[in-house]
Amino acid sequence: MPDRPRLILGSGSPRRRDLLAQLGITADAIRPPEIDETPRRAELPRPYCVRLAAEKARAVEAGPDDVVLSADTTVAMGRRIMGKPADADEAAAFLRALSGRRHRVVTAVAVRRGGRLWQRDVVTQVKMKPLSDAEITAYIATGDWRGKAGGYGIQGPAGAFVPWINGSFPAVVGLPLAETAGLLRAAGYPVLETLAEVAA
């Protein structure tokens, strides 16, 4: 579609690229922005996640008619923000804290075109089964925890640790598809037409 605006994905996450592909969308460019992801003093998980998604979208270099898509995913245990673990020890500590308990996964999406910004956020409840030290050690050894909020990825081996969720599975992976499609359409990106191209 020659009149389709360029789509720039403001994320280096391969999981988000895979989820976009389910909508038949391939970004024209991938430009993960460099921003400070440090939570502000007393900042709660949901506002934190929403703020980061917006800051990422605004930080991406784009033309005036390009569509920029950015997102942020945060694991929340009460008021505690569990971002991407710095190392294996922190990832294991996250898993021990989540073991046998429910937590929330917040994913915020921001779409920018020119000076306009569209946003949505999705909160999913996730229950993790009680984890043994052996299970945590084995999972950490896979390296799958790297770059994942809360120190785990539900779409990988850690899926065996999650018997129940209430909400959006793709949001837990990193991008809520229904909400993302709605934001892209609002910004003038032809999601339905893209799907038709894939089906053809």
N, C-alpha and C. Protein backbone atom coordinates (compact mmCIF):
# COMPACT_ATOMS: atom_id res chain seq x y z
N MET A 1 0.85 -1.19 0.00
CA MET A 1 0.00 0.00 0.00
C MET A 1 0.88 1.24 0.00
N PRO A 2 1.05 1.89 -1.15
CA PRO A 2 2.00 3.00 -1.24
C PRO A 2 1.60 4.19 -0.38
N ASP A 3 0.32 4.37 -0.04
CA ASP A 3 -0.08 5.53 0.74
C ASP A 3 -0.07 5.26 2.24
N ARG A 4 0.39 4.08 2.63
CA ARG A 4 0.45 3.75 4.05
C ARG A 4 1.59 4.52 4.70
N PRO A 5 1.36 5.13 5.86
CA PRO A 5 2.46 5.85 6.53
C PRO A 5 3.53 4.87 7.00
N ARG A 6 4.73 5.37 7.13
CA ARG A 6 5.82 4.54 7.66
C ARG A 6 5.56 4.27 9.14
N LEU A 7 5.84 3.04 9.54
CA LEU A 7 5.69 2.67 10.95
C LEU A 7 7.08 2.46 11.55
N ILE A 8 7.35 3.18 12.61
CA ILE A 8 8.62 3.05 13.32
C ILE A 8 8.34 2.42 14.68
N LEU A 9 8.98 1.31 14.95
CA LEU A 9 8.83 0.63 16.23
C LEU A 9 9.91 1.13 17.18
N GLY A 10 9.47 1.80 18.23
CA GLY A 10 10.39 2.33 19.23
C GLY A 10 10.68 1.30 20.30
N SER A 11 11.12 0.12 19.88
CA SER A 11 11.42 -0.96 20.81
C SER A 11 12.33 -1.96 20.12
N GLY A 12 13.30 -2.46 20.87
CA GLY A 12 14.17 -3.48 20.32
C GLY A 12 13.72 -4.89 20.65
N SER A 13 12.55 -5.01 21.26
CA SER A 13 12.07 -6.31 21.72
C SER A 13 11.66 -7.20 20.55
N PRO A 14 12.28 -8.37 20.40
CA PRO A 14 11.85 -9.30 19.34
C PRO A 14 10.44 -9.82 19.60
N ARG A 15 10.03 -9.86 20.85
CA ARG A 15 8.67 -10.33 21.17
C ARG A 15 7.63 -9.36 20.61
N ARG A 16 7.90 -8.07 20.69
CA ARG A 16 6.94 -7.10 20.15
C ARG A 16 6.89 -7.18 18.62
N ARG A 17 8.03 -7.44 17.99
CA ARG A 17 8.03 -7.62 16.54
C ARG A 17 7.19 -8.84 16.17
N ASP A 18 7.33 -9.91 16.93
CA ASP A 18 6.56 -11.13 16.65
C ASP A 18 5.06 -10.89 16.83
N LEU A 19 4.70 -10.13 17.88
CA LEU A 19 3.28 -9.86 18.12
C LEU A 19 2.70 -8.98 17.01
N LEU A 20 3.46 -7.98 16.56
CA LEU A 20 2.99 -7.16 15.44
C LEU A 20 2.79 -8.01 14.19
N ALA A 21 3.65 -8.99 14.01
CA ALA A 21 3.53 -9.87 12.84
C ALA A 21 2.21 -10.63 12.86
N GLN A 22 1.65 -10.87 14.05
CA GLN A 22 0.34 -11.54 14.13
C GLN A 22 -0.76 -10.66 13.53
N LEU A 23 -0.53 -9.35 13.51
CA LEU A 23 -1.46 -8.42 12.86
C LEU A 23 -1.08 -8.18 11.40
N GLY A 24 -0.07 -8.89 10.94
CA GLY A 24 0.38 -8.69 9.57
C GLY A 24 1.22 -7.45 9.38
N ILE A 25 1.78 -6.95 10.47
CA ILE A 25 2.52 -5.69 10.43
C ILE A 25 4.01 -5.93 10.60
N THR A 26 4.78 -5.36 9.71
CA THR A 26 6.23 -5.32 9.84
C THR A 26 6.66 -3.85 9.87
N ALA A 27 7.36 -3.47 10.91
CA ALA A 27 7.79 -2.08 11.04
C ALA A 27 8.75 -1.72 9.91
N ASP A 28 8.66 -0.47 9.44
CA ASP A 28 9.58 0.01 8.41
C ASP A 28 10.95 0.32 8.99
N ALA A 29 10.99 0.61 10.29
CA ALA A 29 12.26 0.88 10.96
C ALA A 29 12.09 0.53 12.43
N ILE A 30 13.21 0.11 13.05
CA ILE A 30 13.21 -0.20 14.48
C ILE A 30 14.22 0.74 15.14
N ARG A 31 13.72 1.58 16.03
CA ARG A 31 14.57 2.59 16.66
C ARG A 31 14.31 2.63 18.17
N PRO A 32 14.87 1.69 18.92
CA PRO A 32 14.68 1.73 20.37
C PRO A 32 15.34 2.97 20.97
N PRO A 33 14.59 3.79 21.70
CA PRO A 33 15.16 5.02 22.23
C PRO A 33 15.95 4.77 23.51
N GLU A 34 16.85 5.67 23.79
CA GLU A 34 17.60 5.61 25.05
C GLU A 34 16.96 6.62 26.00
N ILE A 35 16.27 6.12 27.03
CA ILE A 35 15.69 7.01 28.04
C ILE A 35 16.04 6.48 29.42
N ASP A 36 15.92 7.35 30.40
CA ASP A 36 16.15 6.97 31.79
C ASP A 36 14.90 6.27 32.31
N GLU A 37 15.02 5.00 32.67
CA GLU A 37 13.86 4.24 33.12
C GLU A 37 13.76 4.16 34.65
N THR A 38 14.49 5.03 35.33
CA THR A 38 14.45 5.03 36.80
C THR A 38 13.10 5.53 37.29
N PRO A 39 12.43 4.78 38.16
CA PRO A 39 11.15 5.28 38.70
C PRO A 39 11.35 6.56 39.51
N ARG A 40 10.38 7.43 39.45
CA ARG A 40 10.42 8.63 40.28
C ARG A 40 10.09 8.27 41.72
N ARG A 41 10.40 9.16 42.62
CA ARG A 41 10.15 8.92 44.04
C ARG A 41 8.66 8.65 44.27
N ALA A 42 8.35 7.53 44.91
CA ALA A 42 6.99 7.13 45.27
C ALA A 42 6.09 6.88 44.04
N GLU A 43 6.69 6.74 42.85
CA GLU A 43 5.88 6.50 41.65
C GLU A 43 5.31 5.09 41.67
N LEU A 44 4.02 4.98 41.36
CA LEU A 44 3.35 3.68 41.36
C LEU A 44 3.55 2.98 40.01
N PRO A 45 3.41 1.65 39.99
CA PRO A 45 3.73 0.90 38.77
C PRO A 45 2.96 1.34 37.53
N ARG A 46 1.65 1.53 37.64
CA ARG A 46 0.88 1.84 36.44
C ARG A 46 1.24 3.21 35.87
N PRO A 47 1.24 4.29 36.68
CA PRO A 47 1.66 5.58 36.12
C PRO A 47 3.10 5.56 35.60
N TYR A 48 3.95 4.80 36.25
CA TYR A 48 5.34 4.67 35.80
C TYR A 48 5.39 4.08 34.40
N CYS A 49 4.65 3.01 34.19
CA CYS A 49 4.64 2.32 32.90
C CYS A 49 4.07 3.22 31.80
N VAL A 50 2.98 3.91 32.11
CA VAL A 50 2.36 4.83 31.15
C VAL A 50 3.33 5.95 30.78
N ARG A 51 4.02 6.49 31.78
CA ARG A 51 4.98 7.58 31.52
C ARG A 51 6.11 7.10 30.62
N LEU A 52 6.66 5.91 30.90
CA LEU A 52 7.77 5.44 30.09
C LEU A 52 7.37 5.20 28.64
N ALA A 53 6.18 4.63 28.42
CA ALA A 53 5.74 4.39 27.04
C ALA A 53 5.65 5.71 26.28
N ALA A 54 5.10 6.74 26.92
CA ALA A 54 4.98 8.04 26.27
C ALA A 54 6.36 8.66 26.02
N GLU A 55 7.24 8.57 27.00
CA GLU A 55 8.59 9.14 26.84
C GLU A 55 9.34 8.44 25.72
N LYS A 56 9.17 7.13 25.62
CA LYS A 56 9.82 6.39 24.53
C LYS A 56 9.30 6.85 23.18
N ALA A 57 7.98 7.00 23.06
CA ALA A 57 7.40 7.42 21.78
C ALA A 57 7.89 8.80 21.38
N ARG A 58 8.00 9.69 22.34
CA ARG A 58 8.45 11.07 22.04
C ARG A 58 9.94 11.13 21.73
N ALA A 59 10.70 10.15 22.23
CA ALA A 59 12.16 10.18 22.05
C ALA A 59 12.60 9.60 20.72
N VAL A 60 11.70 8.93 20.01
CA VAL A 60 12.06 8.29 18.74
C VAL A 60 12.12 9.33 17.63
N GLU A 61 13.19 9.32 16.88
CA GLU A 61 13.33 10.23 15.74
C GLU A 61 12.41 9.75 14.61
N ALA A 62 11.56 10.66 14.13
CA ALA A 62 10.59 10.28 13.10
C ALA A 62 10.19 11.49 12.28
N GLY A 63 9.75 11.24 11.04
CA GLY A 63 9.24 12.30 10.20
C GLY A 63 7.86 12.75 10.67
N PRO A 64 7.38 13.89 10.19
CA PRO A 64 6.10 14.43 10.67
C PRO A 64 4.90 13.55 10.36
N ASP A 65 5.01 12.68 9.35
CA ASP A 65 3.87 11.82 9.00
C ASP A 65 4.11 10.36 9.35
N ASP A 66 5.25 10.07 9.98
CA ASP A 66 5.52 8.71 10.41
C ASP A 66 4.68 8.36 11.63
N VAL A 67 4.37 7.09 11.77
CA VAL A 67 3.68 6.59 12.97
C VAL A 67 4.71 5.86 13.83
N VAL A 68 4.81 6.30 15.08
CA VAL A 68 5.75 5.72 16.03
C VAL A 68 4.99 4.89 17.05
N LEU A 69 5.42 3.67 17.26
CA LEU A 69 4.80 2.78 18.25
C LEU A 69 5.83 2.41 19.31
N SER A 70 5.49 2.70 20.56
CA SER A 70 6.36 2.33 21.68
C SER A 70 5.51 1.69 22.77
N ALA A 71 6.17 0.95 23.64
CA ALA A 71 5.45 0.28 24.72
C ALA A 71 6.39 0.06 25.89
N ASP A 72 5.81 -0.18 27.05
CA ASP A 72 6.59 -0.54 28.22
C ASP A 72 5.81 -1.58 29.02
N THR A 73 6.50 -2.57 29.53
CA THR A 73 5.88 -3.61 30.35
C THR A 73 6.56 -3.64 31.71
N THR A 74 5.75 -3.63 32.75
CA THR A 74 6.25 -3.62 34.12
C THR A 74 5.52 -4.68 34.93
N VAL A 75 6.25 -5.40 35.75
CA VAL A 75 5.65 -6.34 36.70
C VAL A 75 5.52 -5.63 38.03
N ALA A 76 4.33 -5.71 38.62
CA ALA A 76 4.05 -5.00 39.87
C ALA A 76 3.63 -5.99 40.95
N MET A 77 4.31 -5.89 42.08
CA MET A 77 3.92 -6.64 43.28
C MET A 77 3.51 -5.61 44.32
N GLY A 78 2.18 -5.37 44.40
CA GLY A 78 1.72 -4.28 45.23
C GLY A 78 2.20 -2.96 44.64
N ARG A 79 2.89 -2.17 45.44
CA ARG A 79 3.45 -0.90 44.97
C ARG A 79 4.85 -1.05 44.39
N ARG A 80 5.39 -2.25 44.48
CA ARG A 80 6.77 -2.48 44.04
C ARG A 80 6.84 -2.66 42.53
N ILE A 81 7.78 -1.96 41.91
CA ILE A 81 8.02 -2.07 40.47
C ILE A 81 9.16 -3.06 40.24
N MET A 82 8.87 -4.10 39.45
CA MET A 82 9.90 -5.07 39.10
C MET A 82 10.20 -4.92 37.62
N GLY A 83 11.25 -4.22 37.33
CA GLY A 83 11.64 -4.02 35.93
C GLY A 83 12.51 -5.15 35.44
N LYS A 84 13.38 -4.84 34.48
CA LYS A 84 14.29 -5.85 33.95
C LYS A 84 15.42 -6.07 34.96
N PRO A 85 15.66 -7.31 35.36
CA PRO A 85 16.70 -7.56 36.36
C PRO A 85 18.09 -7.22 35.82
N ALA A 86 18.92 -6.71 36.71
CA ALA A 86 20.27 -6.32 36.32
C ALA A 86 21.17 -7.53 36.12
N ASP A 87 20.87 -8.60 36.85
CA ASP A 87 21.72 -9.80 36.76
C ASP A 87 20.91 -11.01 37.22
N ALA A 88 21.56 -12.17 37.19
CA ALA A 88 20.88 -13.42 37.54
C ALA A 88 20.42 -13.44 38.98
N ASP A 89 21.20 -12.84 39.87
CA ASP A 89 20.81 -12.81 41.28
C ASP A 89 19.52 -12.02 41.48
N GLU A 90 19.41 -10.89 40.80
CA GLU A 90 18.18 -10.10 40.94
C GLU A 90 17.00 -10.83 40.30
N ALA A 91 17.22 -11.49 39.18
CA ALA A 91 16.15 -12.26 38.55
C ALA A 91 15.65 -13.36 39.48
N ALA A 92 16.57 -14.05 40.15
CA ALA A 92 16.18 -15.10 41.09
C ALA A 92 15.43 -14.51 42.28
N ALA A 93 15.85 -13.33 42.74
CA ALA A 93 15.15 -12.68 43.85
C ALA A 93 13.72 -12.30 43.45
N PHE A 94 13.56 -11.83 42.21
CA PHE A 94 12.21 -11.52 41.71
C PHE A 94 11.34 -12.77 41.73
N LEU A 95 11.88 -13.87 41.23
CA LEU A 95 11.10 -15.11 41.15
C LEU A 95 10.73 -15.62 42.55
N ARG A 96 11.65 -15.50 43.49
CA ARG A 96 11.33 -15.91 44.86
C ARG A 96 10.20 -15.06 45.43
N ALA A 97 10.21 -13.76 45.12
CA ALA A 97 9.15 -12.87 45.61
C ALA A 97 7.81 -13.17 44.96
N LEU A 98 7.83 -13.57 43.69
CA LEU A 98 6.59 -13.84 42.95
C LEU A 98 6.05 -15.25 43.23
N SER A 99 6.89 -16.13 43.73
CA SER A 99 6.54 -17.54 43.93
C SER A 99 5.28 -17.71 44.79
N GLY A 100 4.29 -18.42 44.23
CA GLY A 100 3.07 -18.73 44.96
C GLY A 100 2.12 -17.57 45.15
N ARG A 101 2.35 -16.47 44.46
CA ARG A 101 1.55 -15.27 44.67
C ARG A 101 1.00 -14.73 43.35
N ARG A 102 -0.01 -13.88 43.49
CA ARG A 102 -0.52 -13.15 42.34
C ARG A 102 0.22 -11.83 42.22
N HIS A 103 0.39 -11.41 40.98
CA HIS A 103 0.97 -10.09 40.73
C HIS A 103 0.29 -9.50 39.51
N ARG A 104 0.63 -8.26 39.19
CA ARG A 104 0.05 -7.60 38.04
C ARG A 104 1.14 -7.35 37.00
N VAL A 105 0.77 -7.51 35.74
CA VAL A 105 1.65 -7.12 34.65
C VAL A 105 0.97 -5.95 33.93
N VAL A 106 1.65 -4.81 33.92
CA VAL A 106 1.13 -3.61 33.28
C VAL A 106 1.87 -3.39 31.98
N THR A 107 1.15 -3.28 30.89
CA THR A 107 1.76 -2.91 29.61
C THR A 107 1.07 -1.67 29.08
N ALA A 108 1.86 -0.64 28.87
CA ALA A 108 1.34 0.62 28.31
C ALA A 108 1.85 0.76 26.89
N VAL A 109 0.97 1.24 26.02
CA VAL A 109 1.30 1.44 24.60
C VAL A 109 1.10 2.90 24.26
N ALA A 110 2.02 3.45 23.51
CA ALA A 110 1.91 4.84 23.04
C ALA A 110 2.16 4.87 21.54
N VAL A 111 1.30 5.58 20.82
CA VAL A 111 1.45 5.77 19.38
C VAL A 111 1.50 7.27 19.11
N ARG A 112 2.51 7.68 18.37
CA ARG A 112 2.68 9.11 18.06
C ARG A 112 2.69 9.31 16.55
N ARG A 113 2.04 10.35 16.12
CA ARG A 113 2.12 10.79 14.72
C ARG A 113 2.17 12.31 14.74
N GLY A 114 3.30 12.85 14.33
CA GLY A 114 3.47 14.29 14.43
C GLY A 114 3.45 14.70 15.90
N GLY A 115 2.62 15.68 16.22
CA GLY A 115 2.52 16.16 17.60
C GLY A 115 1.45 15.46 18.41
N ARG A 116 0.73 14.52 17.83
CA ARG A 116 -0.35 13.84 18.55
C ARG A 116 0.12 12.53 19.15
N LEU A 117 -0.42 12.22 20.32
CA LEU A 117 -0.05 11.00 21.02
C LEU A 117 -1.31 10.28 21.48
N TRP A 118 -1.40 8.99 21.17
CA TRP A 118 -2.52 8.15 21.61
C TRP A 118 -1.96 7.11 22.57
N GLN A 119 -2.68 6.84 23.66
CA GLN A 119 -2.17 5.91 24.66
C GLN A 119 -3.25 4.98 25.20
N ARG A 120 -2.85 3.77 25.56
CA ARG A 120 -3.69 2.82 26.28
C ARG A 120 -2.78 2.02 27.21
N ASP A 121 -3.34 1.55 28.31
CA ASP A 121 -2.59 0.63 29.15
C ASP A 121 -3.50 -0.51 29.57
N VAL A 122 -2.90 -1.67 29.77
CA VAL A 122 -3.63 -2.90 30.08
C VAL A 122 -2.99 -3.52 31.32
N VAL A 123 -3.83 -3.89 32.27
CA VAL A 123 -3.35 -4.55 33.49
C VAL A 123 -3.88 -5.98 33.52
N THR A 124 -2.99 -6.94 33.64
CA THR A 124 -3.35 -8.36 33.67
C THR A 124 -2.91 -8.96 35.00
N GLN A 125 -3.81 -9.71 35.61
CA GLN A 125 -3.47 -10.41 36.85
C GLN A 125 -2.84 -11.76 36.49
N VAL A 126 -1.74 -12.07 37.15
CA VAL A 126 -1.01 -13.30 36.87
C VAL A 126 -0.75 -14.03 38.19
N LYS A 127 -0.98 -15.33 38.21
CA LYS A 127 -0.65 -16.14 39.39
C LYS A 127 0.52 -17.05 39.05
N MET A 128 1.53 -17.01 39.91
CA MET A 128 2.68 -17.89 39.74
C MET A 128 2.60 -19.00 40.78
N LYS A 129 2.85 -20.21 40.36
CA LYS A 129 2.80 -21.34 41.29
C LYS A 129 3.98 -21.26 42.27
N PRO A 130 3.89 -21.94 43.40
CA PRO A 130 5.05 -21.98 44.29
C PRO A 130 6.26 -22.60 43.58
N LEU A 131 7.38 -21.93 43.67
CA LEU A 131 8.58 -22.38 42.96
C LEU A 131 9.60 -22.93 43.94
N SER A 132 10.18 -24.06 43.59
CA SER A 132 11.27 -24.62 44.40
C SER A 132 12.58 -23.93 44.02
N ASP A 133 13.57 -24.06 44.89
CA ASP A 133 14.89 -23.50 44.57
C ASP A 133 15.44 -24.14 43.30
N ALA A 134 15.17 -25.44 43.12
CA ALA A 134 15.67 -26.14 41.93
C ALA A 134 15.03 -25.58 40.67
N GLU A 135 13.74 -25.26 40.72
CA GLU A 135 13.05 -24.69 39.55
C GLU A 135 13.60 -23.31 39.21
N ILE A 136 13.82 -22.50 40.24
CA ILE A 136 14.36 -21.16 40.01
C ILE A 136 15.77 -21.25 39.42
N THR A 137 16.59 -22.13 39.99
CA THR A 137 17.97 -22.29 39.50
C THR A 137 17.98 -22.76 38.04
N ALA A 138 17.11 -23.73 37.74
CA ALA A 138 17.06 -24.25 36.37
C ALA A 138 16.59 -23.18 35.39
N TYR A 139 15.61 -22.38 35.79
CA TYR A 139 15.13 -21.34 34.89
C TYR A 139 16.19 -20.27 34.68
N ILE A 140 16.84 -19.85 35.75
CA ILE A 140 17.89 -18.83 35.62
C ILE A 140 18.98 -19.31 34.67
N ALA A 141 19.28 -20.60 34.72
CA ALA A 141 20.34 -21.16 33.87
C ALA A 141 19.99 -21.08 32.39
N THR A 142 18.70 -21.00 32.04
CA THR A 142 18.32 -20.91 30.63
C THR A 142 18.68 -19.55 30.03
N GLY A 143 18.82 -18.52 30.89
CA GLY A 143 19.07 -17.17 30.39
C GLY A 143 17.83 -16.48 29.85
N ASP A 144 16.68 -17.15 29.92
CA ASP A 144 15.44 -16.60 29.37
C ASP A 144 14.97 -15.36 30.11
N TRP A 145 15.45 -15.16 31.33
CA TRP A 145 15.05 -14.01 32.16
C TRP A 145 15.62 -12.69 31.66
N ARG A 146 16.65 -12.75 30.86
CA ARG A 146 17.34 -11.52 30.45
C ARG A 146 16.41 -10.59 29.67
N GLY A 147 16.40 -9.33 30.07
CA GLY A 147 15.63 -8.31 29.35
C GLY A 147 14.13 -8.39 29.57
N LYS A 148 13.69 -9.15 30.58
CA LYS A 148 12.26 -9.33 30.80
C LYS A 148 11.85 -8.77 32.16
N ALA A 149 10.81 -7.95 32.17
CA ALA A 149 10.31 -7.39 33.41
C ALA A 149 9.93 -8.50 34.37
N GLY A 150 10.28 -8.33 35.63
CA GLY A 150 9.97 -9.34 36.63
C GLY A 150 10.86 -10.55 36.59
N GLY A 151 11.77 -10.61 35.62
CA GLY A 151 12.71 -11.71 35.53
C GLY A 151 12.16 -12.98 34.91
N TYR A 152 11.04 -12.87 34.17
CA TYR A 152 10.53 -14.07 33.50
C TYR A 152 9.76 -13.68 32.25
N GLY A 153 9.66 -14.64 31.32
CA GLY A 153 8.85 -14.45 30.12
C GLY A 153 7.81 -15.54 30.05
N ILE A 154 6.54 -15.17 30.04
CA ILE A 154 5.46 -16.15 30.08
C ILE A 154 5.42 -17.00 28.81
N GLN A 155 5.97 -16.48 27.71
CA GLN A 155 5.92 -17.21 26.44
C GLN A 155 7.06 -18.22 26.31
N GLY A 156 7.94 -18.28 27.31
CA GLY A 156 9.06 -19.21 27.27
C GLY A 156 8.92 -20.30 28.32
N PRO A 157 10.05 -20.83 28.80
CA PRO A 157 9.99 -21.90 29.79
C PRO A 157 9.21 -21.53 31.05
N ALA A 158 9.20 -20.25 31.43
CA ALA A 158 8.49 -19.83 32.64
C ALA A 158 6.97 -19.96 32.49
N GLY A 159 6.48 -20.23 31.28
CA GLY A 159 5.07 -20.50 31.11
C GLY A 159 4.62 -21.67 31.98
N ALA A 160 5.55 -22.57 32.30
CA ALA A 160 5.23 -23.70 33.16
C ALA A 160 5.00 -23.28 34.61
N PHE A 161 5.37 -22.03 34.93
CA PHE A 161 5.19 -21.53 36.30
C PHE A 161 3.87 -20.80 36.49
N VAL A 162 3.12 -20.58 35.40
CA VAL A 162 1.94 -19.70 35.46
C VAL A 162 0.68 -20.52 35.16
N PRO A 163 -0.06 -20.93 36.20
CA PRO A 163 -1.26 -21.73 35.96
C PRO A 163 -2.50 -20.89 35.62
N TRP A 164 -2.42 -19.58 35.81
CA TRP A 164 -3.64 -18.77 35.68
C TRP A 164 -3.30 -17.32 35.38
N ILE A 165 -4.03 -16.73 34.43
CA ILE A 165 -3.99 -15.28 34.23
C ILE A 165 -5.41 -14.78 34.04
N ASN A 166 -5.61 -13.52 34.36
CA ASN A 166 -6.89 -12.87 34.12
C ASN A 166 -6.61 -11.57 33.37
N GLY A 167 -6.83 -11.61 32.05
CA GLY A 167 -6.54 -10.44 31.24
C GLY A 167 -5.98 -10.83 29.89
N SER A 168 -5.03 -10.04 29.42
CA SER A 168 -4.51 -10.19 28.06
C SER A 168 -3.18 -10.93 28.06
N PHE A 169 -3.16 -12.12 27.44
CA PHE A 169 -1.90 -12.85 27.32
C PHE A 169 -0.86 -12.08 26.51
N PRO A 170 -1.21 -11.54 25.31
CA PRO A 170 -0.19 -10.80 24.57
C PRO A 170 0.33 -9.57 25.31
N ALA A 171 -0.50 -8.99 26.18
CA ALA A 171 -0.01 -7.85 26.98
C ALA A 171 1.07 -8.31 27.95
N VAL A 172 0.92 -9.51 28.51
CA VAL A 172 1.95 -10.03 29.40
C VAL A 172 3.24 -10.30 28.62
N VAL A 173 3.10 -10.76 27.39
CA VAL A 173 4.27 -10.98 26.53
C VAL A 173 4.94 -9.65 26.18
N GLY A 174 4.13 -8.59 26.02
CA GLY A 174 4.74 -7.29 25.77
C GLY A 174 3.96 -6.32 24.90
N LEU A 175 2.81 -6.76 24.33
CA LEU A 175 2.05 -5.85 23.48
C LEU A 175 0.60 -6.32 23.36
N PRO A 176 -0.35 -5.61 23.97
CA PRO A 176 -1.76 -6.00 23.85
C PRO A 176 -2.26 -5.73 22.44
N LEU A 177 -2.64 -6.77 21.72
CA LEU A 177 -2.90 -6.63 20.29
C LEU A 177 -4.15 -5.82 19.98
N ALA A 178 -5.24 -6.08 20.69
CA ALA A 178 -6.48 -5.35 20.38
C ALA A 178 -6.30 -3.86 20.61
N GLU A 179 -5.69 -3.50 21.74
CA GLU A 179 -5.50 -2.09 22.05
C GLU A 179 -4.50 -1.43 21.10
N THR A 180 -3.44 -2.16 20.76
CA THR A 180 -2.44 -1.63 19.83
C THR A 180 -3.06 -1.38 18.46
N ALA A 181 -3.86 -2.32 17.98
CA ALA A 181 -4.53 -2.15 16.69
C ALA A 181 -5.42 -0.92 16.70
N GLY A 182 -6.15 -0.71 17.80
CA GLY A 182 -7.02 0.46 17.91
C GLY A 182 -6.24 1.77 17.87
N LEU A 183 -5.10 1.80 18.56
CA LEU A 183 -4.28 3.03 18.57
C LEU A 183 -3.70 3.30 17.18
N LEU A 184 -3.23 2.25 16.52
CA LEU A 184 -2.67 2.43 15.17
C LEU A 184 -3.73 2.94 14.20
N ARG A 185 -4.93 2.40 14.29
CA ARG A 185 -6.02 2.89 13.42
C ARG A 185 -6.33 4.35 13.72
N ALA A 186 -6.34 4.72 15.00
CA ALA A 186 -6.61 6.11 15.38
C ALA A 186 -5.58 7.06 14.77
N ALA A 187 -4.34 6.56 14.64
CA ALA A 187 -3.27 7.38 14.08
C ALA A 187 -3.22 7.32 12.55
N GLY A 188 -4.16 6.59 11.95
CA GLY A 188 -4.22 6.54 10.49
C GLY A 188 -3.43 5.43 9.86
N TYR A 189 -3.02 4.43 10.67
CA TYR A 189 -2.30 3.29 10.10
C TYR A 189 -3.31 2.20 9.79
N PRO A 190 -3.34 1.69 8.55
CA PRO A 190 -4.41 0.78 8.10
C PRO A 190 -4.21 -0.66 8.55
N VAL A 191 -4.58 -0.94 9.79
CA VAL A 191 -4.36 -2.28 10.34
C VAL A 191 -5.19 -3.33 9.61
N LEU A 192 -6.46 -3.07 9.38
CA LEU A 192 -7.32 -4.06 8.74
C LEU A 192 -6.87 -4.35 7.32
N GLU A 193 -6.43 -3.32 6.62
CA GLU A 193 -5.96 -3.51 5.26
C GLU A 193 -4.69 -4.36 5.25
N THR A 194 -3.85 -4.16 6.28
CA THR A 194 -2.62 -4.94 6.40
C THR A 194 -2.95 -6.41 6.59
N LEU A 195 -3.95 -6.67 7.43
CA LEU A 195 -4.37 -8.05 7.65
C LEU A 195 -4.90 -8.67 6.35
N ALA A 196 -5.62 -7.88 5.57
CA ALA A 196 -6.15 -8.38 4.30
C ALA A 196 -5.03 -8.75 3.35
N GLU A 197 -3.95 -7.96 3.36
CA GLU A 197 -2.81 -8.27 2.51
C GLU A 197 -2.20 -9.62 2.88
N VAL A 198 -2.11 -9.87 4.20
CA VAL A 198 -1.52 -11.13 4.67
C VAL A 198 -2.40 -12.31 4.26
N ALA A 199 -3.71 -12.12 4.35
CA ALA A 199 -4.64 -13.21 4.04
C ALA A 199 -4.71 -13.50 2.55
N ALA A 200 -4.37 -12.50 1.73
CA ALA A 200 -4.51 -12.66 0.27
C ALA A 200 -3.54 -13.70 -0.28
